[in-house]
Amino acid sequence: MPQYINIRGARAILRHLRLVWASLWSDAALLYRKEMGLDILSSTMAVLVQEMIEGKISGIAFGKNPDNDSEAKTSARKGKAKAAPGKPFWARSSRRS
């Protein structure tokens, strides 16, 4: 899913929100869900909008590990948020409580 950072103004935020929602139906997203055995038609997405702060490490958290329902996955790397979780600088899996 795409990430957008440093977006300013209500109109721009709404435009980018729609772009992220639309990406749920991108070729890559559809292929991923097919490969993972996920039901394509029942897929949903939440979009997080938050104030940007200057940080040293960026991360991403998945509420559900597609490979193991009892785990949540987190991944982080040095740098700004646009450094997505492709090859994490470090990664950790943790059990849900």
PDB file of N, CA and C in Angstrom:
ATOM      1  N   MET A   1       0.839  -1.171   0.000  1.00  0.00           N
ATOM      2  CA  MET A   1       0.000   0.000   0.000  1.00  0.00           C
ATOM      3  C   MET A   1       0.890   1.242   0.000  1.00  0.00           C
ATOM      4  N   PRO A   2       0.463   2.239  -0.699  1.00  0.00           N
ATOM      5  CA  PRO A   2       1.293   3.447  -0.762  1.00  0.00           C
ATOM      6  C   PRO A   2       1.295   4.199   0.560  1.00  0.00           C
ATOM      7  N   GLN A   3       2.354   4.936   0.756  1.00  0.00           N
ATOM      8  CA  GLN A   3       2.469   5.820   1.919  1.00  0.00           C
ATOM      9  C   GLN A   3       2.707   7.226   1.402  1.00  0.00           C
ATOM     10  N   TYR A   4       2.087   8.173   2.052  1.00  0.00           N
ATOM     11  CA  TYR A   4       2.300   9.575   1.710  1.00  0.00           C
ATOM     12  C   TYR A   4       2.661  10.307   2.987  1.00  0.00           C
ATOM     13  N   ILE A   5       3.704  11.106   2.918  1.00  0.00           N
ATOM     14  CA  ILE A   5       4.117  11.862   4.098  1.00  0.00           C
ATOM     15  C   ILE A   5       4.178  13.341   3.759  1.00  0.00           C
ATOM     16  N   ASN A   6       4.114  14.145   4.803  1.00  0.00           N
ATOM     17  CA  ASN A   6       4.174  15.615   4.674  1.00  0.00           C
ATOM     18  C   ASN A   6       3.067  16.188   3.792  1.00  0.00           C
ATOM     19  N   ILE A   7       1.873  15.628   3.884  1.00  0.00           N
ATOM     20  CA  ILE A   7       0.719  16.139   3.144  1.00  0.00           C
ATOM     21  C   ILE A   7       0.087  17.241   3.986  1.00  0.00           C
ATOM     22  N   ARG A   8      -0.184  18.367   3.364  1.00  0.00           N
ATOM     23  CA  ARG A   8      -0.721  19.513   4.103  1.00  0.00           C
ATOM     24  C   ARG A   8      -2.043  19.977   3.507  1.00  0.00           C
ATOM     25  N   GLY A   9      -2.991  20.297   4.377  1.00  0.00           N
ATOM     26  CA  GLY A   9      -4.283  20.823   3.967  1.00  0.00           C
ATOM     27  C   GLY A   9      -5.337  19.735   3.818  1.00  0.00           C
ATOM     28  N   ALA A  10      -6.573  20.082   4.158  1.00  0.00           N
ATOM     29  CA  ALA A  10      -7.675  19.117   4.172  1.00  0.00           C
ATOM     30  C   ALA A  10      -7.919  18.501   2.797  1.00  0.00           C
ATOM     31  N   ARG A  11      -7.918  19.311   1.749  1.00  0.00           N
ATOM     32  CA  ARG A  11      -8.159  18.767   0.402  1.00  0.00           C
ATOM     33  C   ARG A  11      -7.092  17.765   0.000  1.00  0.00           C
ATOM     34  N   ALA A  12      -5.847  18.107   0.252  1.00  0.00           N
ATOM     35  CA  ALA A  12      -4.746  17.205  -0.102  1.00  0.00           C
ATOM     36  C   ALA A  12      -4.820  15.910   0.714  1.00  0.00           C
ATOM     37  N   ILE A  13      -5.164  16.024   1.984  1.00  0.00           N
ATOM     38  CA  ILE A  13      -5.293  14.836   2.829  1.00  0.00           C
ATOM     39  C   ILE A  13      -6.396  13.928   2.289  1.00  0.00           C
ATOM     40  N   LEU A  14      -7.548  14.486   1.946  1.00  0.00           N
ATOM     41  CA  LEU A  14      -8.650  13.683   1.415  1.00  0.00           C
ATOM     42  C   LEU A  14      -8.282  13.042   0.078  1.00  0.00           C
ATOM     43  N   ARG A  15      -7.571  13.774  -0.771  1.00  0.00           N
ATOM     44  CA  ARG A  15      -7.147  13.231  -2.068  1.00  0.00           C
ATOM     45  C   ARG A  15      -6.226  12.029  -1.863  1.00  0.00           C
ATOM     46  N   HIS A  16      -5.288  12.167  -0.958  1.00  0.00           N
ATOM     47  CA  HIS A  16      -4.354  11.066  -0.703  1.00  0.00           C
ATOM     48  C   HIS A  16      -5.028   9.909   0.035  1.00  0.00           C
ATOM     49  N   LEU A  17      -5.989  10.202   0.867  1.00  0.00           N
ATOM     50  CA  LEU A  17      -6.769   9.157   1.523  1.00  0.00           C
ATOM     51  C   LEU A  17      -7.461   8.292   0.471  1.00  0.00           C
ATOM     52  N   ARG A  18      -8.059   8.943  -0.534  1.00  0.00           N
ATOM     53  CA  ARG A  18      -8.718   8.191  -1.622  1.00  0.00           C
ATOM     54  C   ARG A  18      -7.714   7.352  -2.412  1.00  0.00           C
ATOM     55  N   LEU A  19      -6.513   7.881  -2.629  1.00  0.00           N
ATOM     56  CA  LEU A  19      -5.486   7.122  -3.350  1.00  0.00           C
ATOM     57  C   LEU A  19      -5.097   5.854  -2.589  1.00  0.00           C
ATOM     58  N   VAL A  20      -4.973   5.980  -1.271  1.00  0.00           N
ATOM     59  CA  VAL A  20      -4.626   4.805  -0.469  1.00  0.00           C
ATOM     60  C   VAL A  20      -5.762   3.791  -0.506  1.00  0.00           C
ATOM     61  N   TRP A  21      -7.007   4.244  -0.323  1.00  0.00           N
ATOM     62  CA  TRP A  21      -8.145   3.321  -0.381  1.00  0.00           C
ATOM     63  C   TRP A  21      -8.211   2.620  -1.741  1.00  0.00           C
ATOM     64  N   ALA A  22      -7.990   3.360  -2.815  1.00  0.00           N
ATOM     65  CA  ALA A  22      -8.050   2.773  -4.157  1.00  0.00           C
ATOM     66  C   ALA A  22      -6.966   1.713  -4.349  1.00  0.00           C
ATOM     67  N   SER A  23      -5.852   1.848  -3.648  1.00  0.00           N
ATOM     68  CA  SER A  23      -4.761   0.896  -3.816  1.00  0.00           C
ATOM     69  C   SER A  23      -5.130  -0.505  -3.324  1.00  0.00           C
ATOM     70  N   LEU A  24      -6.212  -0.628  -2.551  1.00  0.00           N
ATOM     71  CA  LEU A  24      -6.686  -1.939  -2.123  1.00  0.00           C
ATOM     72  C   LEU A  24      -7.001  -2.814  -3.333  1.00  0.00           C
ATOM     73  N   TRP A  25      -7.314  -2.183  -4.470  1.00  0.00           N
ATOM     74  CA  TRP A  25      -7.692  -2.912  -5.678  1.00  0.00           C
ATOM     75  C   TRP A  25      -6.606  -2.840  -6.748  1.00  0.00           C
ATOM     76  N   SER A  26      -5.391  -2.479  -6.373  1.00  0.00           N
ATOM     77  CA  SER A  26      -4.285  -2.457  -7.336  1.00  0.00           C
ATOM     78  C   SER A  26      -3.910  -3.893  -7.712  1.00  0.00           C
ATOM     79  N   ASP A  27      -3.240  -4.036  -8.842  1.00  0.00           N
ATOM     80  CA  ASP A  27      -2.795  -5.368  -9.277  1.00  0.00           C
ATOM     81  C   ASP A  27      -1.937  -6.036  -8.213  1.00  0.00           C
ATOM     82  N   ALA A  28      -1.017  -5.271  -7.635  1.00  0.00           N
ATOM     83  CA  ALA A  28      -0.119  -5.836  -6.621  1.00  0.00           C
ATOM     84  C   ALA A  28      -0.887  -6.307  -5.391  1.00  0.00           C
ATOM     85  N   ALA A  29      -1.855  -5.509  -4.939  1.00  0.00           N
ATOM     86  CA  ALA A  29      -2.634  -5.877  -3.755  1.00  0.00           C
ATOM     87  C   ALA A  29      -3.506  -7.100  -4.024  1.00  0.00           C
ATOM     88  N   LEU A  30      -4.102  -7.162  -5.202  1.00  0.00           N
ATOM     89  CA  LEU A  30      -4.933  -8.314  -5.558  1.00  0.00           C
ATOM     90  C   LEU A  30      -4.085  -9.583  -5.651  1.00  0.00           C
ATOM     91  N   LEU A  31      -2.921  -9.484  -6.267  1.00  0.00           N
ATOM     92  CA  LEU A  31      -2.032 -10.630  -6.389  1.00  0.00           C
ATOM     93  C   LEU A  31      -1.558 -11.104  -5.014  1.00  0.00           C
ATOM     94  N   TYR A  32      -1.209 -10.146  -4.145  1.00  0.00           N
ATOM     95  CA  TYR A  32      -0.775 -10.495  -2.794  1.00  0.00           C
ATOM     96  C   TYR A  32      -1.857 -11.283  -2.068  1.00  0.00           C
ATOM     97  N   ARG A  33      -3.086 -10.788  -2.101  1.00  0.00           N
ATOM     98  CA  ARG A  33      -4.179 -11.473  -1.400  1.00  0.00           C
ATOM     99  C   ARG A  33      -4.433 -12.849  -2.000  1.00  0.00           C
ATOM    100  N   LYS A  34      -4.325 -12.952  -3.320  1.00  0.00           N
ATOM    101  CA  LYS A  34      -4.509 -14.254  -3.967  1.00  0.00           C
ATOM    102  C   LYS A  34      -3.427 -15.226  -3.519  1.00  0.00           C
ATOM    103  N   GLU A  35      -2.156 -14.778  -3.521  1.00  0.00           N
ATOM    104  CA  GLU A  35      -1.048 -15.632  -3.104  1.00  0.00           C
ATOM    105  C   GLU A  35      -1.149 -16.046  -1.639  1.00  0.00           C
ATOM    106  N   MET A  36      -1.711 -15.172  -0.806  1.00  0.00           N
ATOM    107  CA  MET A  36      -1.849 -15.465   0.627  1.00  0.00           C
ATOM    108  C   MET A  36      -3.114 -16.271   0.923  1.00  0.00           C
ATOM    109  N   GLY A  37      -3.936 -16.508  -0.092  1.00  0.00           N
ATOM    110  CA  GLY A  37      -5.175 -17.255   0.109  1.00  0.00           C
ATOM    111  C   GLY A  37      -6.249 -16.461   0.830  1.00  0.00           C
ATOM    112  N   LEU A  38      -6.178 -15.140   0.749  1.00  0.00           N
ATOM    113  CA  LEU A  38      -7.161 -14.281   1.413  1.00  0.00           C
ATOM    114  C   LEU A  38      -8.344 -14.038   0.491  1.00  0.00           C
ATOM    115  N   ASP A  39      -9.518 -13.890   1.059  1.00  0.00           N
ATOM    116  CA  ASP A  39     -10.722 -13.609   0.276  1.00  0.00           C
ATOM    117  C   ASP A  39     -10.656 -12.184  -0.260  1.00  0.00           C
ATOM    118  N   ILE A  40     -10.542 -12.076  -1.561  1.00  0.00           N
ATOM    119  CA  ILE A  40     -10.358 -10.771  -2.197  1.00  0.00           C
ATOM    120  C   ILE A  40     -11.565  -9.866  -1.979  1.00  0.00           C
ATOM    121  N   LEU A  41     -12.771 -10.421  -2.077  1.00  0.00           N
ATOM    122  CA  LEU A  41     -13.976  -9.584  -1.991  1.00  0.00           C
ATOM    123  C   LEU A  41     -14.291  -9.109  -0.579  1.00  0.00           C
ATOM    124  N   SER A  42     -13.786  -9.807   0.441  1.00  0.00           N
ATOM    125  CA  SER A  42     -14.083  -9.369   1.808  1.00  0.00           C
ATOM    126  C   SER A  42     -12.935  -8.558   2.413  1.00  0.00           C
ATOM    127  N   SER A  43     -11.938  -8.232   1.618  1.00  0.00           N
ATOM    128  CA  SER A  43     -10.806  -7.449   2.120  1.00  0.00           C
ATOM    129  C   SER A  43     -11.237  -6.026   2.450  1.00  0.00           C
ATOM    130  N   THR A  44     -10.675  -5.509   3.514  1.00  0.00           N
ATOM    131  CA  THR A  44     -10.955  -4.137   3.935  1.00  0.00           C
ATOM    132  C   THR A  44      -9.642  -3.438   4.252  1.00  0.00           C
ATOM    133  N   MET A  45      -9.720  -2.142   4.428  1.00  0.00           N
ATOM    134  CA  MET A  45      -8.517  -1.377   4.731  1.00  0.00           C
ATOM    135  C   MET A  45      -8.860  -0.237   5.675  1.00  0.00           C
ATOM    136  N   ALA A  46      -7.967  -0.010   6.590  1.00  0.00           N
ATOM    137  CA  ALA A  46      -8.030   1.178   7.439  1.00  0.00           C
ATOM    138  C   ALA A  46      -6.865   2.070   7.041  1.00  0.00           C
ATOM    139  N   VAL A  47      -7.063   3.359   7.119  1.00  0.00           N
ATOM    140  CA  VAL A  47      -6.011   4.308   6.773  1.00  0.00           C
ATOM    141  C   VAL A  47      -5.742   5.174   7.991  1.00  0.00           C
ATOM    142  N   LEU A  48      -4.481   5.258   8.347  1.00  0.00           N
ATOM    143  CA  LEU A  48      -4.076   6.062   9.491  1.00  0.00           C
ATOM    144  C   LEU A  48      -3.584   7.412   9.006  1.00  0.00           C
ATOM    145  N   VAL A  49      -4.116   8.464   9.588  1.00  0.00           N
ATOM    146  CA  VAL A  49      -3.659   9.827   9.308  1.00  0.00           C
ATOM    147  C   VAL A  49      -3.170  10.391  10.627  1.00  0.00           C
ATOM    148  N   GLN A  50      -1.929  10.829  10.651  1.00  0.00           N
ATOM    149  CA  GLN A  50      -1.397  11.374  11.891  1.00  0.00           C
ATOM    150  C   GLN A  50      -0.430  12.507  11.604  1.00  0.00           C
ATOM    151  N   GLU A  51      -0.216  13.299  12.612  1.00  0.00           N
ATOM    152  CA  GLU A  51       0.717  14.413  12.497  1.00  0.00           C
ATOM    153  C   GLU A  51       2.131  13.871  12.314  1.00  0.00           C
ATOM    154  N   MET A  52       2.861  14.473  11.397  1.00  0.00           N
ATOM    155  CA  MET A  52       4.239  14.055  11.129  1.00  0.00           C
ATOM    156  C   MET A  52       5.164  14.681  12.165  1.00  0.00           C
ATOM    157  N   ILE A  53       6.016  13.852  12.733  1.00  0.00           N
ATOM    158  CA  ILE A  53       7.039  14.345  13.648  1.00  0.00           C
ATOM    159  C   ILE A  53       8.395  13.900  13.119  1.00  0.00           C
ATOM    160  N   GLU A  54       9.432  14.588  13.511  1.00  0.00           N
ATOM    161  CA  GLU A  54      10.778  14.209  13.108  1.00  0.00           C
ATOM    162  C   GLU A  54      11.215  13.027  13.966  1.00  0.00           C
ATOM    163  N   GLY A  55      11.627  11.958  13.346  1.00  0.00           N
ATOM    164  CA  GLY A  55      12.050  10.781  14.082  1.00  0.00           C
ATOM    165  C   GLY A  55      13.295  10.170  13.491  1.00  0.00           C
ATOM    166  N   LYS A  56      13.878   9.251  14.230  1.00  0.00           N
ATOM    167  CA  LYS A  56      15.083   8.571  13.771  1.00  0.00           C
ATOM    168  C   LYS A  56      14.784   7.211  13.171  1.00  0.00           C
ATOM    169  N   ILE A  57      13.650   6.614  13.568  1.00  0.00           N
ATOM    170  CA  ILE A  57      13.281   5.286  13.102  1.00  0.00           C
ATOM    171  C   ILE A  57      11.825   5.320  12.653  1.00  0.00           C
ATOM    172  N   SER A  58      11.529   4.658  11.542  1.00  0.00           N
ATOM    173  CA  SER A  58      10.159   4.528  11.049  1.00  0.00           C
ATOM    174  C   SER A  58       9.738   3.077  11.155  1.00  0.00           C
ATOM    175  N   GLY A  59       8.460   2.852  11.308  1.00  0.00           N
ATOM    176  CA  GLY A  59       8.007   1.474  11.448  1.00  0.00           C
ATOM    177  C   GLY A  59       6.631   1.256  10.890  1.00  0.00           C
ATOM    178  N   ILE A  60       6.268   0.008  10.851  1.00  0.00           N
ATOM    179  CA  ILE A  60       4.937  -0.384  10.409  1.00  0.00           C
ATOM    180  C   ILE A  60       4.502  -1.549  11.283  1.00  0.00           C
ATOM    181  N   ALA A  61       3.233  -1.603  11.593  1.00  0.00           N
ATOM    182  CA  ALA A  61       2.704  -2.696  12.406  1.00  0.00           C
ATOM    183  C   ALA A  61       1.524  -3.316  11.684  1.00  0.00           C
ATOM    184  N   PHE A  62       1.506  -4.623  11.625  1.00  0.00           N
ATOM    185  CA  PHE A  62       0.383  -5.357  11.053  1.00  0.00           C
ATOM    186  C   PHE A  62      -0.402  -5.939  12.213  1.00  0.00           C
ATOM    187  N   GLY A  63      -1.692  -5.673  12.264  1.00  0.00           N
ATOM    188  CA  GLY A  63      -2.507  -6.166  13.356  1.00  0.00           C
ATOM    189  C   GLY A  63      -2.693  -7.668  13.335  1.00  0.00           C
ATOM    190  N   LYS A  64      -2.486  -8.292  12.174  1.00  0.00           N
ATOM    191  CA  LYS A  64      -2.659  -9.734  12.060  1.00  0.00           C
ATOM    192  C   LYS A  64      -1.620 -10.269  11.093  1.00  0.00           C
ATOM    193  N   ASN A  65      -0.892 -11.260  11.523  1.00  0.00           N
ATOM    194  CA  ASN A  65       0.071 -11.928  10.661  1.00  0.00           C
ATOM    195  C   ASN A  65      -0.693 -12.898   9.769  1.00  0.00           C
ATOM    196  N   PRO A  66      -0.668 -12.720   8.439  1.00  0.00           N
ATOM    197  CA  PRO A  66      -1.409 -13.631   7.555  1.00  0.00           C
ATOM    198  C   PRO A  66      -0.930 -15.079   7.663  1.00  0.00           C
ATOM    199  N   ASP A  67       0.291 -15.282   8.139  1.00  0.00           N
ATOM    200  CA  ASP A  67       0.827 -16.635   8.268  1.00  0.00           C
ATOM    201  C   ASP A  67       0.484 -17.296   9.595  1.00  0.00           C
ATOM    202  N   ASN A  68       0.104 -16.511  10.599  1.00  0.00           N
ATOM    203  CA  ASN A  68      -0.160 -17.054  11.927  1.00  0.00           C
ATOM    204  C   ASN A  68      -1.104 -16.098  12.648  1.00  0.00           C
ATOM    205  N   ASP A  69      -2.365 -16.503  12.804  1.00  0.00           N
ATOM    206  CA  ASP A  69      -3.387 -15.633  13.399  1.00  0.00           C
ATOM    207  C   ASP A  69      -3.073 -15.190  14.819  1.00  0.00           C
ATOM    208  N   SER A  70      -2.194 -15.902  15.517  1.00  0.00           N
ATOM    209  CA  SER A  70      -1.914 -15.554  16.905  1.00  0.00           C
ATOM    210  C   SER A  70      -0.802 -14.523  17.036  1.00  0.00           C
ATOM    211  N   GLU A  71      -0.272 -14.035  15.917  1.00  0.00           N
ATOM    212  CA  GLU A  71       0.825 -13.076  15.966  1.00  0.00           C
ATOM    213  C   GLU A  71       0.463 -11.755  15.315  1.00  0.00           C
ATOM    214  N   ALA A  72       1.094 -10.724  15.807  1.00  0.00           N
ATOM    215  CA  ALA A  72       1.087  -9.416  15.144  1.00  0.00           C
ATOM    216  C   ALA A  72       2.529  -9.171  14.714  1.00  0.00           C
ATOM    217  N   LYS A  73       2.734  -8.518  13.607  1.00  0.00           N
ATOM    218  CA  LYS A  73       4.091  -8.276  13.100  1.00  0.00           C
ATOM    219  C   LYS A  73       4.411  -6.792  13.177  1.00  0.00           C
ATOM    220  N   THR A  74       5.639  -6.497  13.516  1.00  0.00           N
ATOM    221  CA  THR A  74       6.132  -5.126  13.467  1.00  0.00           C
ATOM    222  C   THR A  74       7.454  -5.123  12.716  1.00  0.00           C
ATOM    223  N   SER A  75       7.715  -4.032  12.041  1.00  0.00           N
ATOM    224  CA  SER A  75       8.954  -3.901  11.287  1.00  0.00           C
ATOM    225  C   SER A  75       9.382  -2.442  11.343  1.00  0.00           C
ATOM    226  N   ALA A  76      10.669  -2.196  11.484  1.00  0.00           N
ATOM    227  CA  ALA A  76      11.167  -0.820  11.561  1.00  0.00           C
ATOM    228  C   ALA A  76      12.518  -0.725  10.876  1.00  0.00           C
ATOM    229  N   ARG A  77      12.871   0.481  10.492  1.00  0.00           N
ATOM    230  CA  ARG A  77      14.185   0.741   9.919  1.00  0.00           C
ATOM    231  C   ARG A  77      14.570   2.174  10.184  1.00  0.00           C
ATOM    232  N   LYS A  78      15.856   2.432  10.101  1.00  0.00           N
ATOM    233  CA  LYS A  78      16.336   3.792  10.276  1.00  0.00           C
ATOM    234  C   LYS A  78      15.854   4.642   9.111  1.00  0.00           C
ATOM    235  N   GLY A  79      15.483   5.876   9.402  1.00  0.00           N
ATOM    236  CA  GLY A  79      15.091   6.797   8.348  1.00  0.00           C
ATOM    237  C   GLY A  79      13.646   7.212   8.440  1.00  0.00           C
ATOM    238  N   LYS A  80      13.205   7.977   7.433  1.00  0.00           N
ATOM    239  CA  LYS A  80      11.843   8.495   7.414  1.00  0.00           C
ATOM    240  C   LYS A  80      10.851   7.440   6.966  1.00  0.00           C
ATOM    241  N   ALA A  81       9.562   7.741   7.154  1.00  0.00           N
ATOM    242  CA  ALA A  81       8.491   6.782   6.897  1.00  0.00           C
ATOM    243  C   ALA A  81       8.467   6.259   5.480  1.00  0.00           C
ATOM    244  N   LYS A  82       8.990   7.010   4.512  1.00  0.00           N
ATOM    245  CA  LYS A  82       8.940   6.514   3.143  1.00  0.00           C
ATOM    246  C   LYS A  82       9.833   5.297   2.954  1.00  0.00           C
ATOM    247  N   ALA A  83      10.676   5.014   3.927  1.00  0.00           N
ATOM    248  CA  ALA A  83      11.498   3.799   3.893  1.00  0.00           C
ATOM    249  C   ALA A  83      10.642   2.643   4.378  1.00  0.00           C
ATOM    250  N   ALA A  84       9.769   2.165   3.519  1.00  0.00           N
ATOM    251  CA  ALA A  84       8.769   1.151   3.865  1.00  0.00           C
ATOM    252  C   ALA A  84       9.410  -0.172   4.281  1.00  0.00           C
ATOM    253  N   PRO A  85       8.588  -1.131   4.677  1.00  0.00           N
ATOM    254  CA  PRO A  85       9.132  -2.345   5.286  1.00  0.00           C
ATOM    255  C   PRO A  85       9.695  -3.379   4.325  1.00  0.00           C
ATOM    256  N   GLY A  86      10.088  -3.023   3.116  1.00  0.00           N
ATOM    257  CA  GLY A  86      10.599  -3.994   2.166  1.00  0.00           C
ATOM    258  C   GLY A  86      11.679  -4.890   2.756  1.00  0.00           C
ATOM    259  N   LYS A  87      12.790  -4.314   3.177  1.00  0.00           N
ATOM    260  CA  LYS A  87      13.860  -5.051   3.849  1.00  0.00           C
ATOM    261  C   LYS A  87      14.075  -4.380   5.198  1.00  0.00           C
ATOM    262  N   PRO A  88      13.410  -4.878   6.243  1.00  0.00           N
ATOM    263  CA  PRO A  88      13.483  -4.196   7.531  1.00  0.00           C
ATOM    264  C   PRO A  88      14.896  -4.138   8.081  1.00  0.00           C
ATOM    265  N   PHE A  89      15.187  -3.036   8.732  1.00  0.00           N
ATOM    266  CA  PHE A  89      16.472  -2.891   9.411  1.00  0.00           C
ATOM    267  C   PHE A  89      16.507  -3.863  10.578  1.00  0.00           C
ATOM    268  N   TRP A  90      15.397  -4.004  11.246  1.00  0.00           N
ATOM    269  CA  TRP A  90      15.197  -5.065  12.223  1.00  0.00           C
ATOM    270  C   TRP A  90      13.722  -5.400  12.238  1.00  0.00           C
ATOM    271  N   ALA A  91      13.391  -6.574  12.609  1.00  0.00           N
ATOM    272  CA  ALA A  91      11.985  -6.995  12.651  1.00  0.00           C
ATOM    273  C   ALA A  91      11.752  -7.829  13.890  1.00  0.00           C
ATOM    274  N   ARG A  92      10.567  -7.769  14.378  1.00  0.00           N
ATOM    275  CA  ARG A  92      10.217  -8.524  15.577  1.00  0.00           C
ATOM    276  C   ARG A  92       8.785  -9.023  15.442  1.00  0.00           C
ATOM    277  N   SER A  93       8.541 -10.235  15.850  1.00  0.00           N
ATOM    278  CA  SER A  93       7.191 -10.757  15.944  1.00  0.00           C
ATOM    279  C   SER A  93       6.846 -10.879  17.416  1.00  0.00           C
ATOM    280  N   SER A  94       5.617 -10.580  17.747  1.00  0.00           N
ATOM    281  CA  SER A  94       5.214 -10.704  19.145  1.00  0.00           C
ATOM    282  C   SER A  94       3.832 -11.325  19.223  1.00  0.00           C
ATOM    283  N   ARG A  95       3.607 -12.055  20.279  1.00  0.00           N
ATOM    284  CA  ARG A  95       2.313 -12.699  20.485  1.00  0.00           C
ATOM    285  C   ARG A  95       1.274 -11.685  20.939  1.00  0.00           C
ATOM    286  N   ARG A  96       0.068 -11.846  20.435  1.00  0.00           N
ATOM    287  CA  ARG A  96      -1.040 -11.009  20.919  1.00  0.00           C
ATOM    288  C   ARG A  96      -1.450 -11.490  22.286  1.00  0.00           C
ATOM    289  N   SER A  97      -1.919 -10.547  23.113  1.00  0.00           N
ATOM    290  CA  SER A  97      -2.422 -10.970  24.423  1.00  0.00           C
ATOM    291  C   SER A  97      -3.918 -10.957  24.417  1.00  0.00           C
TER     292      SER A  97
END
